[in-house]
Amino acid sequence: MQSIDDFHFELISSPEPLERSAEWGKQSSREALAGCLKKMGINSKSSEDLTIIGHTHLAKHPQITASISHTRKVGAALTSNRDQYPSVGIDIEFVDRKIAHGAEKYFINEDDGVEVWQNILLTWTLKEAAFKALSPYIDKFDWPKVLVLKDIWIKKNQFGLRGNTKILGKTSSRIKKAGELEMIISFAFLNPLL
C-alpha cells in the first residue's frame, strides 16, 4: 500500500474583492492545479494542460489524476500518479463556515464512524473529497443509484459505500491558512481497482 504522501496539493488565495470571489476562486483552483503539475515536473503552457477529463485525469497527461476545489476566493488542487491512485478528491472550506443544524441528516449515515460527530464541517469536507474520488468509478462497484454524500461512510481515515464494509479508499485532512483565515483541506484517495 502506498503512503498517503504520494500526492501533490496546492492552495492559492486570491486578493481580489469579494464581489468577484467565486470567479476568482475558480481561477485560483486552476492556478493551484498548475502549481501541482510544476511540482511533478510538468510546466503547463495553456489551459488545455489543465483540462480534467471525466473528473479523474488530465487530458494531456492521462497518467495524472487530478481534483480541484474552490470556495469564495480560494482555490485548491490535488494531483497524483494514476498508477498510485486511479482517482483523487479534494475539498476546502473555511473553518468558520457554519453547517445548518439538522443538515447532517443529508450526509451522515449509520455506517459512519463515531468520530464523524466530533466535527461536522470536517466530515462534510471528507465526504465531498471521497465523493469526488469515488463518483467517476461508481459503476465498478455495482451501485444501483445516483451517488450522494449520504451513501459514503467515513471511518478512521478510510471510506466506503453504505451497507458494505469494503474499504474503497483513504482520507486525510489538514488545517492551513489562506491569507488571514484558516481552512480545512480534505483529501480522498481511491484504492487501486482490482
Protein backbone atom coordinates (compact mmCIF):
# COMPACT_ATOMS: atom_id res chain seq x y z
CA MET A 1 0.00 0.00 0.00
CA GLN A 2 1.29 3.46 -0.89
CA SER A 3 1.88 6.06 1.77
CA ILE A 4 -0.63 8.88 1.87
CA ASP A 5 2.19 11.26 0.91
CA ASP A 6 2.22 10.11 -2.74
CA PHE A 7 0.44 13.26 -3.92
CA HIS A 8 0.85 16.98 -4.52
CA PHE A 9 -1.51 19.71 -3.46
CA GLU A 10 -1.58 23.45 -3.78
CA LEU A 11 -3.72 26.15 -2.16
CA ILE A 12 -4.00 29.58 -3.82
CA SER A 13 -5.69 32.58 -2.22
CA SER A 14 -6.74 35.50 -4.39
CA PRO A 15 -6.60 39.05 -3.04
CA GLU A 16 -9.45 40.13 -5.31
CA PRO A 17 -12.58 41.87 -3.96
CA LEU A 18 -15.30 39.64 -2.52
CA GLU A 19 -17.91 40.62 -5.12
CA ARG A 20 -15.85 38.70 -7.71
CA SER A 21 -14.72 35.98 -5.30
CA ALA A 22 -16.48 33.00 -6.94
CA GLU A 23 -14.88 33.75 -10.30
CA TRP A 24 -11.51 34.25 -8.64
CA GLY A 25 -11.93 31.03 -6.65
CA LYS A 26 -12.34 29.09 -9.89
CA GLN A 27 -9.30 30.81 -11.40
CA SER A 28 -7.32 30.12 -8.22
CA SER A 29 -8.12 26.40 -8.46
CA ARG A 30 -6.64 26.34 -11.98
CA GLU A 31 -3.55 28.18 -10.73
CA ALA A 32 -3.28 25.62 -7.92
CA LEU A 33 -3.51 22.81 -10.50
CA ALA A 34 -0.68 24.41 -12.49
CA GLY A 35 1.33 24.55 -9.25
CA CYS A 36 0.75 20.84 -8.61
CA LEU A 37 1.89 19.99 -12.12
CA LYS A 38 5.01 22.07 -11.67
CA LYS A 39 5.82 20.04 -8.53
CA MET A 40 5.51 16.94 -10.73
CA GLY A 41 7.95 18.40 -13.26
CA ILE A 42 5.31 19.49 -15.81
CA ASN A 43 5.11 23.12 -16.89
CA SER A 44 1.59 23.96 -18.07
CA LYS A 45 1.67 26.30 -21.03
CA SER A 46 -2.03 26.60 -21.80
CA SER A 47 -5.49 26.00 -20.38
CA GLU A 48 -5.51 22.71 -22.34
CA ASP A 49 -2.81 21.45 -19.97
CA LEU A 50 -5.29 21.98 -17.12
CA THR A 51 -8.31 20.25 -18.66
CA ILE A 52 -9.63 17.45 -16.45
CA ILE A 53 -11.45 14.60 -18.24
CA GLY A 54 -14.19 12.60 -16.53
CA HIS A 55 -13.35 14.13 -13.14
CA THR A 56 -10.32 11.85 -12.98
CA HIS A 57 -7.33 12.72 -15.12
CA LEU A 58 -5.71 15.43 -17.21
CA ALA A 59 -6.47 15.41 -20.94
CA LYS A 60 -2.84 15.99 -21.98
CA HIS A 61 -1.41 13.87 -19.16
CA PRO A 62 -3.70 10.83 -18.68
CA GLN A 63 -1.24 9.29 -16.21
CA ILE A 64 -2.03 12.09 -13.73
CA THR A 65 -5.19 12.03 -11.63
CA ALA A 66 -6.45 15.42 -10.50
CA SER A 67 -9.14 17.13 -8.48
CA ILE A 68 -9.89 20.80 -7.81
CA SER A 69 -11.96 22.73 -5.29
CA HIS A 70 -12.73 26.37 -4.60
CA THR A 71 -14.65 28.45 -2.12
CA ARG A 72 -15.06 32.20 -2.21
CA LYS A 73 -11.63 33.49 -3.27
CA VAL A 74 -9.51 30.41 -2.57
CA GLY A 75 -8.75 27.55 -4.90
CA ALA A 76 -7.02 24.21 -4.35
CA ALA A 77 -5.85 21.28 -6.41
CA LEU A 78 -4.66 17.73 -5.77
CA THR A 79 -2.69 15.52 -8.17
CA SER A 80 -1.17 12.05 -8.07
CA ASN A 81 0.10 9.42 -10.48
CA ARG A 82 -2.72 7.27 -11.82
CA ASP A 83 -0.83 4.05 -11.05
CA GLN A 84 -0.84 5.00 -7.36
CA TYR A 85 -4.45 6.21 -7.18
CA PRO A 86 -6.95 5.82 -10.04
CA SER A 87 -8.86 8.83 -8.69
CA VAL A 88 -8.39 11.54 -6.07
CA GLY A 89 -10.64 14.15 -4.48
CA ILE A 90 -10.10 17.42 -2.65
CA ASP A 91 -12.47 19.75 -0.82
CA ILE A 92 -11.80 23.00 1.02
CA GLU A 93 -13.87 25.10 3.41
CA PHE A 94 -13.12 27.95 5.76
CA VAL A 95 -13.10 26.65 9.35
CA ASP A 96 -15.62 29.31 10.37
CA ARG A 97 -18.29 28.03 7.94
CA LYS A 98 -21.45 27.09 9.77
CA ILE A 99 -23.41 23.98 8.85
CA ALA A 100 -27.12 24.45 9.49
CA HIS A 101 -28.47 22.50 12.45
CA GLY A 102 -30.03 19.29 11.16
CA ALA A 103 -28.19 19.34 7.82
CA GLU A 104 -26.10 16.34 8.89
CA LYS A 105 -29.09 14.09 8.13
CA TYR A 106 -28.25 14.62 4.45
CA PHE A 107 -24.68 13.33 4.67
CA ILE A 108 -24.11 11.28 7.83
CA ASN A 109 -25.30 7.66 7.90
CA GLU A 110 -25.40 4.68 10.28
CA ASP A 111 -22.19 3.19 8.83
CA ASP A 112 -20.07 6.26 9.63
CA GLY A 113 -17.60 6.01 12.48
CA VAL A 114 -18.41 7.74 15.76
CA GLU A 115 -15.68 10.30 15.05
CA VAL A 116 -17.81 11.98 12.37
CA TRP A 117 -19.86 13.67 15.11
CA GLN A 118 -16.79 15.41 16.56
CA ASN A 119 -16.53 17.91 13.70
CA ILE A 120 -19.47 18.12 11.31
CA LEU A 121 -17.70 20.51 8.91
CA LEU A 122 -14.68 18.22 8.70
CA THR A 123 -17.00 15.27 7.99
CA TRP A 124 -18.67 17.30 5.23
CA THR A 125 -15.32 18.06 3.56
CA LEU A 126 -14.09 14.46 3.87
CA LYS A 127 -17.28 13.17 2.26
CA GLU A 128 -17.06 15.77 -0.52
CA ALA A 129 -13.48 14.69 -1.25
CA ALA A 130 -14.43 10.98 -1.12
CA PHE A 131 -17.39 11.67 -3.44
CA LYS A 132 -15.06 13.30 -5.99
CA ALA A 133 -12.64 10.37 -5.84
CA LEU A 134 -15.35 7.69 -5.96
CA SER A 135 -18.03 9.04 -8.32
CA PRO A 136 -16.14 8.55 -11.63
CA TYR A 137 -15.79 4.84 -10.81
CA ILE A 138 -19.11 4.16 -9.08
CA ASP A 139 -20.21 1.80 -11.88
CA LYS A 140 -17.30 -0.53 -10.95
CA PHE A 141 -18.98 -1.16 -7.58
CA ASP A 142 -22.45 -2.14 -8.85
CA TRP A 143 -24.01 0.84 -7.06
CA PRO A 144 -27.71 0.79 -8.01
CA LYS A 145 -28.48 4.52 -7.89
CA VAL A 146 -27.11 8.04 -8.19
CA LEU A 147 -24.35 8.52 -5.63
CA VAL A 148 -24.96 11.12 -2.90
CA LEU A 149 -22.86 12.06 0.13
CA LYS A 150 -25.01 10.02 2.50
CA ASP A 151 -24.08 6.88 0.52
CA ILE A 152 -20.44 7.21 1.60
CA TRP A 153 -19.18 6.19 5.02
CA ILE A 154 -16.10 7.62 6.73
CA LYS A 155 -14.27 5.72 9.47
CA LYS A 156 -10.74 6.17 10.80
CA ASN A 157 -9.37 7.88 7.67
CA GLN A 158 -10.99 5.40 5.29
CA PHE A 159 -14.11 5.44 3.15
CA GLY A 160 -16.51 3.04 1.51
CA LEU A 161 -20.11 2.63 0.41
CA ARG A 162 -23.04 2.45 2.81
CA GLY A 163 -24.15 -1.09 3.58
CA ASN A 164 -20.76 -2.54 2.64
CA THR A 165 -17.69 -2.85 4.87
CA LYS A 166 -15.22 -2.96 1.97
CA ILE A 167 -12.66 -0.14 2.25
CA LEU A 168 -12.51 1.68 -1.08
CA GLY A 169 -10.00 4.38 -0.20
CA LYS A 170 -8.38 6.57 2.39
CA THR A 171 -8.84 10.12 3.58
CA SER A 172 -6.71 12.79 5.19
CA SER A 173 -7.20 16.40 6.21
CA ARG A 174 -5.20 19.44 7.22
CA ILE A 175 -5.78 22.90 8.54
CA LYS A 176 -3.92 25.58 6.60
CA LYS A 177 -4.01 29.36 6.46
CA ALA A 178 -5.28 31.10 3.35
CA GLY A 179 -4.42 34.72 3.93
CA GLU A 180 -5.68 35.53 7.41
CA LEU A 181 -8.26 32.74 7.56
CA GLU A 182 -7.85 29.05 8.34
CA MET A 183 -9.18 26.39 6.01
CA ILE A 184 -9.95 22.71 6.28
CA ILE A 185 -8.41 20.85 3.35
CA SER A 186 -9.66 17.28 2.96
CA PHE A 187 -8.22 14.68 0.60
CA ALA A 188 -9.52 11.31 -0.62
CA PHE A 189 -7.60 8.64 -2.49
CA LEU A 190 -9.38 5.78 -4.25
CA ASN A 191 -7.57 2.47 -3.77
CA PRO A 192 -6.27 0.83 -6.95
CA LEU A 193 -9.12 -1.08 -8.60
CA LEU A 194 -8.67 -4.83 -8.57
